[in-house]
Amino acid sequence: MIPTPRDVSTGPGPATDDAARDPATRWALAAREGDPAAQAAFVRATQVEVWRFVAALIDPDSADDLTQETYLRAFRALPGFEGRSSARTWLLGIARRACADHLRTVVRRRRLGERLAAQAATDRPYPDPAGQLGANDLVRRLPAERRGAFVLTQLLGLSYAEAAAVEGVPVGTIRSRVARARDELINAVDDALAG
């Protein structure tokens, strides 16, 4: 038996079949090629469903931000989307991972808050009766670049490499900024206690 030639004008079989059945997949494949109208249509076709999904997984208050994060991740990953599954399936998988990352961040912040509260209760050699040493006030006094590095690494728990990526600077710069911020905070506390 001699195989008949495939019709190559429609592209690979399975992806095209899925795309023909699913408008969202058609839009995603066109968006992958850089068509701005297709990108907008893809978002419009899937946004409500993504929002409802993340609202159900996390909560409605976080749904807007997580929906936006989902689309940011999706558009970064769009060049690798081949249409083997529907765009809805692919996009909801991205949304699920965004929700999981969000939950990990929330848990990490909660644990950090508990550690900081426990440490604050035990680290002081003597109490601050006037309440002059509010941690937020001290951190707000830091210069913006040092405050950013300090908050990212010491309060939010990001690694120095992650903080460097967020701030768009080398890791060594983050290390230096955090060290200087620590020195400034120690001096501010000493000044307030001596005050």
C-alpha atoms as a PDB file:
ATOM      1  CA  MET A   1       0.000   0.000   0.000  1.00  0.00           C
ATOM      2  CA  ILE A   2       1.354   3.408  -0.925  1.00  0.00           C
ATOM      3  CA  PRO A   3       0.636   6.149   1.605  1.00  0.00           C
ATOM      4  CA  THR A   4      -1.203   9.158   0.327  1.00  0.00           C
ATOM      5  CA  PRO A   5       0.527  12.485   0.780  1.00  0.00           C
ATOM      6  CA  ARG A   6      -0.645  14.593   3.693  1.00  0.00           C
ATOM      7  CA  ASP A   7      -2.173  17.968   3.109  1.00  0.00           C
ATOM      8  CA  VAL A   8       0.602  20.139   4.559  1.00  0.00           C
ATOM      9  CA  SER A   9      -1.316  23.362   4.064  1.00  0.00           C
ATOM     10  CA  THR A  10      -3.195  22.776   7.329  1.00  0.00           C
ATOM     11  CA  GLY A  11      -0.160  21.864   9.449  1.00  0.00           C
ATOM     12  CA  PRO A  12       0.232  18.845  11.721  1.00  0.00           C
ATOM     13  CA  GLY A  13      -2.824  16.670  12.138  1.00  0.00           C
ATOM     14  CA  PRO A  14      -3.623  16.466  15.870  1.00  0.00           C
ATOM     15  CA  ALA A  15      -2.947  20.108  16.708  1.00  0.00           C
ATOM     16  CA  THR A  16      -5.006  21.301  13.751  1.00  0.00           C
ATOM     17  CA  ASP A  17      -7.856  18.941  14.640  1.00  0.00           C
ATOM     18  CA  ASP A  18      -7.932  20.310  18.207  1.00  0.00           C
ATOM     19  CA  ALA A  19      -7.668  23.854  16.911  1.00  0.00           C
ATOM     20  CA  ALA A  20     -10.539  23.316  14.498  1.00  0.00           C
ATOM     21  CA  ARG A  21     -12.761  22.140  17.352  1.00  0.00           C
ATOM     22  CA  ASP A  22     -11.660  24.703  19.945  1.00  0.00           C
ATOM     23  CA  PRO A  23     -11.683  28.437  19.214  1.00  0.00           C
ATOM     24  CA  ALA A  24      -9.411  29.164  22.206  1.00  0.00           C
ATOM     25  CA  THR A  25      -6.788  26.825  20.780  1.00  0.00           C
ATOM     26  CA  ARG A  26      -7.081  28.511  17.366  1.00  0.00           C
ATOM     27  CA  TRP A  27      -6.547  31.896  19.031  1.00  0.00           C
ATOM     28  CA  ALA A  28      -3.593  30.587  21.049  1.00  0.00           C
ATOM     29  CA  LEU A  29      -1.898  29.173  17.960  1.00  0.00           C
ATOM     30  CA  ALA A  30      -2.401  32.444  16.095  1.00  0.00           C
ATOM     31  CA  ALA A  31      -1.214  34.407  19.153  1.00  0.00           C
ATOM     32  CA  ARG A  32       1.899  32.244  19.232  1.00  0.00           C
ATOM     33  CA  GLU A  33       2.752  33.658  15.827  1.00  0.00           C
ATOM     34  CA  GLY A  34       2.581  37.198  17.244  1.00  0.00           C
ATOM     35  CA  ASP A  35      -0.901  38.264  16.080  1.00  0.00           C
ATOM     36  CA  PRO A  36      -2.024  40.933  18.613  1.00  0.00           C
ATOM     37  CA  ALA A  37      -5.693  40.528  17.678  1.00  0.00           C
ATOM     38  CA  ALA A  38      -5.424  36.793  18.334  1.00  0.00           C
ATOM     39  CA  GLN A  39      -3.723  37.466  21.672  1.00  0.00           C
ATOM     40  CA  ALA A  40      -6.595  39.716  22.760  1.00  0.00           C
ATOM     41  CA  ALA A  41      -9.181  37.220  21.496  1.00  0.00           C
ATOM     42  CA  PHE A  42      -7.431  34.389  23.362  1.00  0.00           C
ATOM     43  CA  VAL A  43      -7.584  36.329  26.627  1.00  0.00           C
ATOM     44  CA  ARG A  44     -11.240  37.282  26.076  1.00  0.00           C
ATOM     45  CA  ALA A  45     -12.166  33.681  25.265  1.00  0.00           C
ATOM     46  CA  THR A  46     -10.557  32.235  28.396  1.00  0.00           C
ATOM     47  CA  GLN A  47     -10.382  34.981  31.026  1.00  0.00           C
ATOM     48  CA  VAL A  48     -13.667  34.315  32.813  1.00  0.00           C
ATOM     49  CA  GLU A  49     -12.937  30.626  33.134  1.00  0.00           C
ATOM     50  CA  VAL A  50      -9.405  31.247  34.443  1.00  0.00           C
ATOM     51  CA  TRP A  51     -10.700  33.791  36.963  1.00  0.00           C
ATOM     52  CA  ARG A  52     -13.394  31.415  38.223  1.00  0.00           C
ATOM     53  CA  PHE A  53     -10.845  28.606  38.540  1.00  0.00           C
ATOM     54  CA  VAL A  54      -8.322  30.594  40.569  1.00  0.00           C
ATOM     55  CA  ALA A  55     -11.082  32.156  42.678  1.00  0.00           C
ATOM     56  CA  ALA A  56     -12.272  28.659  43.565  1.00  0.00           C
ATOM     57  CA  LEU A  57      -8.756  27.392  44.314  1.00  0.00           C
ATOM     58  CA  ILE A  58      -7.577  30.392  46.352  1.00  0.00           C
ATOM     59  CA  ASP A  59     -10.153  33.125  46.976  1.00  0.00           C
ATOM     60  CA  PRO A  60     -12.002  35.814  45.000  1.00  0.00           C
ATOM     61  CA  ASP A  61      -9.860  38.593  46.505  1.00  0.00           C
ATOM     62  CA  SER A  62      -6.703  37.106  44.963  1.00  0.00           C
ATOM     63  CA  ALA A  63      -8.313  36.034  41.684  1.00  0.00           C
ATOM     64  CA  ASP A  64      -7.562  39.206  39.710  1.00  0.00           C
ATOM     65  CA  ASP A  65      -3.849  39.100  40.511  1.00  0.00           C
ATOM     66  CA  LEU A  66      -3.579  35.364  39.934  1.00  0.00           C
ATOM     67  CA  THR A  67      -5.444  35.613  36.640  1.00  0.00           C
ATOM     68  CA  GLN A  68      -3.005  38.277  35.507  1.00  0.00           C
ATOM     69  CA  GLU A  69      -0.062  36.156  36.663  1.00  0.00           C
ATOM     70  CA  THR A  70      -1.498  33.209  34.708  1.00  0.00           C
ATOM     71  CA  TYR A  71      -1.595  35.191  31.477  1.00  0.00           C
ATOM     72  CA  LEU A  72       1.896  36.589  32.032  1.00  0.00           C
ATOM     73  CA  ARG A  73       3.201  33.050  32.400  1.00  0.00           C
ATOM     74  CA  ALA A  74       1.114  31.811  29.480  1.00  0.00           C
ATOM     75  CA  PHE A  75       2.372  34.452  27.067  1.00  0.00           C
ATOM     76  CA  ARG A  76       5.965  33.728  28.092  1.00  0.00           C
ATOM     77  CA  ALA A  77       5.338  30.022  27.429  1.00  0.00           C
ATOM     78  CA  LEU A  78       3.250  30.517  24.277  1.00  0.00           C
ATOM     79  CA  PRO A  79       6.137  29.915  21.823  1.00  0.00           C
ATOM     80  CA  GLY A  80       6.337  26.340  23.154  1.00  0.00           C
ATOM     81  CA  PHE A  81       2.580  25.695  22.864  1.00  0.00           C
ATOM     82  CA  GLU A  82       2.055  23.192  20.056  1.00  0.00           C
ATOM     83  CA  GLY A  83      -1.672  22.599  20.389  1.00  0.00           C
ATOM     84  CA  ARG A  84      -1.367  18.925  21.348  1.00  0.00           C
ATOM     85  CA  SER A  85      -3.948  19.587  24.045  1.00  0.00           C
ATOM     86  CA  SER A  86      -6.577  22.289  24.052  1.00  0.00           C
ATOM     87  CA  ALA A  87      -5.460  25.769  24.992  1.00  0.00           C
ATOM     88  CA  ARG A  88      -7.952  25.701  27.868  1.00  0.00           C
ATOM     89  CA  THR A  89      -6.284  22.626  29.378  1.00  0.00           C
ATOM     90  CA  TRP A  90      -2.835  24.139  28.907  1.00  0.00           C
ATOM     91  CA  LEU A  91      -3.898  27.501  30.366  1.00  0.00           C
ATOM     92  CA  LEU A  92      -5.696  26.005  33.374  1.00  0.00           C
ATOM     93  CA  GLY A  93      -2.558  23.973  34.129  1.00  0.00           C
ATOM     94  CA  ILE A  94      -0.599  27.212  34.184  1.00  0.00           C
ATOM     95  CA  ALA A  95      -3.255  28.760  36.456  1.00  0.00           C
ATOM     96  CA  ARG A  96      -3.027  25.806  38.836  1.00  0.00           C
ATOM     97  CA  ARG A  97       0.750  26.196  39.081  1.00  0.00           C
ATOM     98  CA  ALA A  98       0.375  29.954  39.669  1.00  0.00           C
ATOM     99  CA  CYS A  99      -2.047  29.175  42.517  1.00  0.00           C
ATOM    100  CA  ALA A 100       0.329  26.600  44.008  1.00  0.00           C
ATOM    101  CA  ASP A 101       3.188  29.111  43.884  1.00  0.00           C
ATOM    102  CA  HIS A 102       0.944  31.720  45.507  1.00  0.00           C
ATOM    103  CA  LEU A 103       0.059  29.339  48.346  1.00  0.00           C
ATOM    104  CA  ARG A 104       3.726  28.498  48.915  1.00  0.00           C
ATOM    105  CA  THR A 105       4.489  32.212  49.159  1.00  0.00           C
ATOM    106  CA  VAL A 106       1.630  32.799  51.620  1.00  0.00           C
ATOM    107  CA  VAL A 107       2.769  29.910  53.818  1.00  0.00           C
ATOM    108  CA  ARG A 108       6.390  31.121  53.686  1.00  0.00           C
ATOM    109  CA  ARG A 109       5.324  34.644  54.689  1.00  0.00           C
ATOM    110  CA  ARG A 110       3.173  33.307  57.527  1.00  0.00           C
ATOM    111  CA  ARG A 111       6.026  31.196  58.871  1.00  0.00           C
ATOM    112  CA  LEU A 112       8.406  34.115  58.565  1.00  0.00           C
ATOM    113  CA  GLY A 113       5.952  36.346  60.426  1.00  0.00           C
ATOM    114  CA  GLU A 114       5.646  33.795  63.213  1.00  0.00           C
ATOM    115  CA  ARG A 115       9.445  33.486  63.453  1.00  0.00           C
ATOM    116  CA  LEU A 116       9.902  37.243  63.518  1.00  0.00           C
ATOM    117  CA  ALA A 117       7.225  37.647  66.186  1.00  0.00           C
ATOM    118  CA  ALA A 118       8.787  34.913  68.327  1.00  0.00           C
ATOM    119  CA  GLN A 119      12.244  36.368  67.826  1.00  0.00           C
ATOM    120  CA  ALA A 120      11.079  39.895  68.652  1.00  0.00           C
ATOM    121  CA  ALA A 121       9.623  38.654  71.908  1.00  0.00           C
ATOM    122  CA  THR A 122      12.861  36.959  72.978  1.00  0.00           C
ATOM    123  CA  ASP A 123      15.690  38.975  71.381  1.00  0.00           C
ATOM    124  CA  ARG A 124      15.337  42.263  73.199  1.00  0.00           C
ATOM    125  CA  PRO A 125      17.625  42.576  76.211  1.00  0.00           C
ATOM    126  CA  TYR A 126      15.112  44.981  77.732  1.00  0.00           C
ATOM    127  CA  PRO A 127      11.666  46.163  76.726  1.00  0.00           C
ATOM    128  CA  ASP A 128      10.835  49.202  74.634  1.00  0.00           C
ATOM    129  CA  PRO A 129       8.269  50.835  76.938  1.00  0.00           C
ATOM    130  CA  ALA A 130       7.661  53.861  74.729  1.00  0.00           C
ATOM    131  CA  GLY A 131       7.066  51.738  71.621  1.00  0.00           C
ATOM    132  CA  GLN A 132       9.617  53.782  69.702  1.00  0.00           C
ATOM    133  CA  LEU A 133      11.147  50.830  67.871  1.00  0.00           C
ATOM    134  CA  GLY A 134       8.398  49.871  65.460  1.00  0.00           C
ATOM    135  CA  ALA A 135       9.966  47.502  62.933  1.00  0.00           C
ATOM    136  CA  ASN A 136       7.961  48.957  60.055  1.00  0.00           C
ATOM    137  CA  ASP A 137       9.082  52.477  60.967  1.00  0.00           C
ATOM    138  CA  LEU A 138      12.713  51.416  61.072  1.00  0.00           C
ATOM    139  CA  VAL A 139      12.497  49.618  57.740  1.00  0.00           C
ATOM    140  CA  ARG A 140      10.729  52.597  56.129  1.00  0.00           C
ATOM    141  CA  ARG A 141      13.677  54.827  57.126  1.00  0.00           C
ATOM    142  CA  LEU A 142      16.067  52.799  54.978  1.00  0.00           C
ATOM    143  CA  PRO A 143      16.979  54.189  51.531  1.00  0.00           C
ATOM    144  CA  ALA A 144      14.745  52.685  48.834  1.00  0.00           C
ATOM    145  CA  GLU A 145      17.334  50.370  47.243  1.00  0.00           C
ATOM    146  CA  ARG A 146      18.471  48.955  50.602  1.00  0.00           C
ATOM    147  CA  ARG A 147      14.889  48.671  51.824  1.00  0.00           C
ATOM    148  CA  GLY A 148      13.950  46.671  48.720  1.00  0.00           C
ATOM    149  CA  ALA A 149      16.844  44.241  49.106  1.00  0.00           C
ATOM    150  CA  PHE A 150      16.236  43.877  52.853  1.00  0.00           C
ATOM    151  CA  VAL A 151      12.486  43.280  52.532  1.00  0.00           C
ATOM    152  CA  LEU A 152      12.883  40.775  49.691  1.00  0.00           C
ATOM    153  CA  THR A 153      15.505  38.675  51.462  1.00  0.00           C
ATOM    154  CA  GLN A 154      14.862  39.130  55.171  1.00  0.00           C
ATOM    155  CA  LEU A 155      11.116  39.631  55.361  1.00  0.00           C
ATOM    156  CA  LEU A 156       9.786  37.808  52.302  1.00  0.00           C
ATOM    157  CA  GLY A 157      12.366  35.023  52.427  1.00  0.00           C
ATOM    158  CA  LEU A 158      13.646  35.214  48.857  1.00  0.00           C
ATOM    159  CA  SER A 159      17.145  33.966  48.184  1.00  0.00           C
ATOM    160  CA  TYR A 160      19.783  36.511  47.246  1.00  0.00           C
ATOM    161  CA  ALA A 161      19.629  35.241  43.649  1.00  0.00           C
ATOM    162  CA  GLU A 162      15.835  35.632  43.530  1.00  0.00           C
ATOM    163  CA  ALA A 163      16.064  39.127  45.004  1.00  0.00           C
ATOM    164  CA  ALA A 164      18.742  40.025  42.453  1.00  0.00           C
ATOM    165  CA  ALA A 165      16.412  38.888  39.657  1.00  0.00           C
ATOM    166  CA  VAL A 166      13.549  40.949  41.090  1.00  0.00           C
ATOM    167  CA  GLU A 167      15.703  44.057  41.511  1.00  0.00           C
ATOM    168  CA  GLY A 168      17.591  43.547  38.238  1.00  0.00           C
ATOM    169  CA  VAL A 169      21.033  43.791  39.839  1.00  0.00           C
ATOM    170  CA  PRO A 170      23.908  41.353  40.509  1.00  0.00           C
ATOM    171  CA  VAL A 171      23.745  39.069  43.562  1.00  0.00           C
ATOM    172  CA  GLY A 172      26.724  40.857  45.105  1.00  0.00           C
ATOM    173  CA  THR A 173      24.816  44.131  45.010  1.00  0.00           C
ATOM    174  CA  ILE A 174      21.929  42.542  46.924  1.00  0.00           C
ATOM    175  CA  ARG A 175      24.344  41.148  49.519  1.00  0.00           C
ATOM    176  CA  SER A 176      25.926  44.570  49.951  1.00  0.00           C
ATOM    177  CA  ARG A 177      22.584  46.350  50.246  1.00  0.00           C
ATOM    178  CA  VAL A 178      21.311  43.869  52.840  1.00  0.00           C
ATOM    179  CA  ALA A 179      24.496  44.182  54.905  1.00  0.00           C
ATOM    180  CA  ARG A 180      24.277  47.973  54.844  1.00  0.00           C
ATOM    181  CA  ALA A 181      20.574  47.865  55.709  1.00  0.00           C
ATOM    182  CA  ARG A 182      21.326  45.620  58.708  1.00  0.00           C
ATOM    183  CA  ASP A 183      24.019  48.024  59.898  1.00  0.00           C
ATOM    184  CA  GLU A 184      21.667  50.982  59.567  1.00  0.00           C
ATOM    185  CA  LEU A 185      18.902  49.166  61.437  1.00  0.00           C
ATOM    186  CA  ILE A 186      21.258  48.183  64.277  1.00  0.00           C
ATOM    187  CA  ASN A 187      22.453  51.782  64.565  1.00  0.00           C
ATOM    188  CA  ALA A 188      18.885  53.095  64.533  1.00  0.00           C
ATOM    189  CA  VAL A 189      17.890  50.706  67.325  1.00  0.00           C
ATOM    190  CA  ASP A 190      20.992  51.608  69.348  1.00  0.00           C
ATOM    191  CA  ASP A 191      20.254  55.326  68.912  1.00  0.00           C
ATOM    192  CA  ALA A 192      16.637  54.864  69.951  1.00  0.00           C
ATOM    193  CA  LEU A 193      17.584  52.852  73.031  1.00  0.00           C
ATOM    194  CA  ALA A 194      20.283  55.349  74.019  1.00  0.00           C
ATOM    195  CA  GLY A 195      17.919  58.180  73.266  1.00  0.00           C
END
